C-alpha cells in the first residue's frame, strides 16, 4: 500500500466482499473451488491528499460482550 501511495494511487484492504465471495469470484474469474479470498484491495487514483481518519460510530454502540 505504501508503494501504491508513492505512485499517486490509493488503496484499502476490505473484507466486505467475503459474504458474497462466490459472486466476486464469478465476476473476477477467480476459481472459487480452488482459491480462498482473504481480502479485496481496490486500487484507484484519489481525489486530493488530505487523508484523515473517517468518522466512526462510537465503540460502545457497535462492540458488545455477551449480548446484542
C-alpha atoms as a PDB file:
ATOM      1  CA  UNK A   1       0.000   0.000   0.000  1.00  0.00           C
ATOM      2  CA  UNK A   2       2.813   2.478   0.640  1.00  0.00           C
ATOM      3  CA  UNK A   3       4.220   1.684  -2.814  1.00  0.00           C
ATOM      4  CA  UNK A   4       0.827   2.331  -4.393  1.00  0.00           C
ATOM      5  CA  UNK A   5       0.514   5.623  -2.494  1.00  0.00           C
ATOM      6  CA  UNK A   6       4.010   6.625  -3.631  1.00  0.00           C
ATOM      7  CA  UNK A   7       2.746   6.358  -7.197  1.00  0.00           C
ATOM      8  CA  UNK A   8      -0.204   8.675  -6.593  1.00  0.00           C
ATOM      9  CA  UNK A   9      -2.795   5.956  -6.096  1.00  0.00           C
ATOM     10  CA  UNK A  10      -4.848   4.974  -3.082  1.00  0.00           C
ATOM     11  CA  UNK A  11      -5.977   1.612  -1.769  1.00  0.00           C
ATOM     12  CA  UNK A  12      -7.703  -0.011   1.163  1.00  0.00           C
ATOM     13  CA  UNK A  13      -7.927  -3.556   2.467  1.00  0.00           C
ATOM     14  CA  UNK A  14     -11.527  -4.611   2.867  1.00  0.00           C
ATOM     15  CA  UNK A  15     -13.225  -7.860   3.775  1.00  0.00           C
ATOM     16  CA  UNK A  16     -16.719  -6.671   2.888  1.00  0.00           C
ATOM     17  CA  UNK A  17     -16.675  -8.983  -0.100  1.00  0.00           C
ATOM     18  CA  UNK A  18     -16.421 -12.161   1.958  1.00  0.00           C
ATOM     19  CA  UNK A  19     -20.185 -12.648   2.477  1.00  0.00           C
ATOM     20  CA  UNK A  20     -20.518 -12.574  -1.323  1.00  0.00           C
ATOM     21  CA  UNK A  21     -17.237 -14.325  -2.080  1.00  0.00           C
ATOM     22  CA  UNK A  22     -18.784 -16.654  -4.667  1.00  0.00           C
ATOM     23  CA  UNK A  23     -20.234 -13.713  -6.628  1.00  0.00           C
ATOM     24  CA  UNK A  24     -16.902 -11.847  -6.522  1.00  0.00           C
ATOM     25  CA  UNK A  25     -15.119 -14.964  -7.745  1.00  0.00           C
ATOM     26  CA  UNK A  26     -17.526 -15.314 -10.652  1.00  0.00           C
ATOM     27  CA  UNK A  27     -17.243 -11.616 -11.616  1.00  0.00           C
ATOM     28  CA  UNK A  28     -13.443 -11.590 -11.390  1.00  0.00           C
ATOM     29  CA  UNK A  29     -12.804 -15.006 -12.915  1.00  0.00           C
ATOM     30  CA  UNK A  30     -11.368 -16.486  -9.709  1.00  0.00           C
ATOM     31  CA  UNK A  31     -11.712 -20.281  -9.469  1.00  0.00           C
ATOM     32  CA  UNK A  32     -13.946 -20.373  -6.368  1.00  0.00           C
ATOM     33  CA  UNK A  33     -13.406 -24.053  -5.563  1.00  0.00           C
ATOM     34  CA  UNK A  34      -9.601 -23.655  -5.660  1.00  0.00           C
ATOM     35  CA  UNK A  35      -8.854 -20.162  -4.301  1.00  0.00           C
ATOM     36  CA  UNK A  36      -9.863 -18.626  -0.963  1.00  0.00           C
ATOM     37  CA  UNK A  37     -10.288 -14.850  -0.957  1.00  0.00           C
ATOM     38  CA  UNK A  38      -8.846 -13.203   2.139  1.00  0.00           C
ATOM     39  CA  UNK A  39      -9.493  -9.582   1.201  1.00  0.00           C
ATOM     40  CA  UNK A  40     -10.420  -7.286  -1.638  1.00  0.00           C
ATOM     41  CA  UNK A  41      -7.911  -4.483  -2.239  1.00  0.00           C
ATOM     42  CA  UNK A  42      -9.193  -1.934  -4.756  1.00  0.00           C
ATOM     43  CA  UNK A  43      -6.648   0.477  -6.247  1.00  0.00           C
ATOM     44  CA  UNK A  44      -7.599   3.847  -7.741  1.00  0.00           C
ATOM     45  CA  UNK A  45      -6.475   7.392  -8.280  1.00  0.00           C
ATOM     46  CA  UNK A  46      -7.523   9.537  -5.334  1.00  0.00           C
ATOM     47  CA  UNK A  47      -9.088  12.960  -5.099  1.00  0.00           C
ATOM     48  CA  UNK A  48      -6.749  15.123  -3.043  1.00  0.00           C
ATOM     49  CA  UNK A  49      -4.117  14.201  -0.495  1.00  0.00           C
ATOM     50  CA  UNK A  50      -5.580  15.440   2.790  1.00  0.00           C
ATOM     51  CA  UNK A  51      -6.300  11.984   4.160  1.00  0.00           C
ATOM     52  CA  UNK A  52      -7.622  11.685   7.695  1.00  0.00           C
ATOM     53  CA  UNK A  53      -9.443   9.097   9.788  1.00  0.00           C
ATOM     54  CA  UNK A  54     -13.074   8.573   8.869  1.00  0.00           C
ATOM     55  CA  UNK A  55     -15.838   9.482  11.282  1.00  0.00           C
ATOM     56  CA  UNK A  56     -16.681   6.410  13.289  1.00  0.00           C
ATOM     57  CA  UNK A  57     -19.674   5.214  15.260  1.00  0.00           C
ATOM     58  CA  UNK A  58     -18.805   5.268  18.976  1.00  0.00           C
ATOM     59  CA  UNK A  59     -17.291   1.948  20.006  1.00  0.00           C
ATOM     60  CA  UNK A  60     -19.882   1.280  22.712  1.00  0.00           C
ATOM     61  CA  UNK A  61     -22.606   1.356  20.026  1.00  0.00           C
ATOM     62  CA  UNK A  62     -21.031  -1.430  17.955  1.00  0.00           C
ATOM     63  CA  UNK A  63     -18.991  -3.503  20.404  1.00  0.00           C
ATOM     64  CA  UNK A  64     -20.929  -5.945  22.543  1.00  0.00           C
ATOM     65  CA  UNK A  65     -19.992  -8.572  25.101  1.00  0.00           C
ATOM     66  CA  UNK A  66     -22.308 -11.477  25.914  1.00  0.00           C
ATOM     67  CA  UNK A  67     -25.313  -9.651  24.445  1.00  0.00           C
ATOM     68  CA  UNK A  68     -26.540  -7.822  21.352  1.00  0.00           C
END
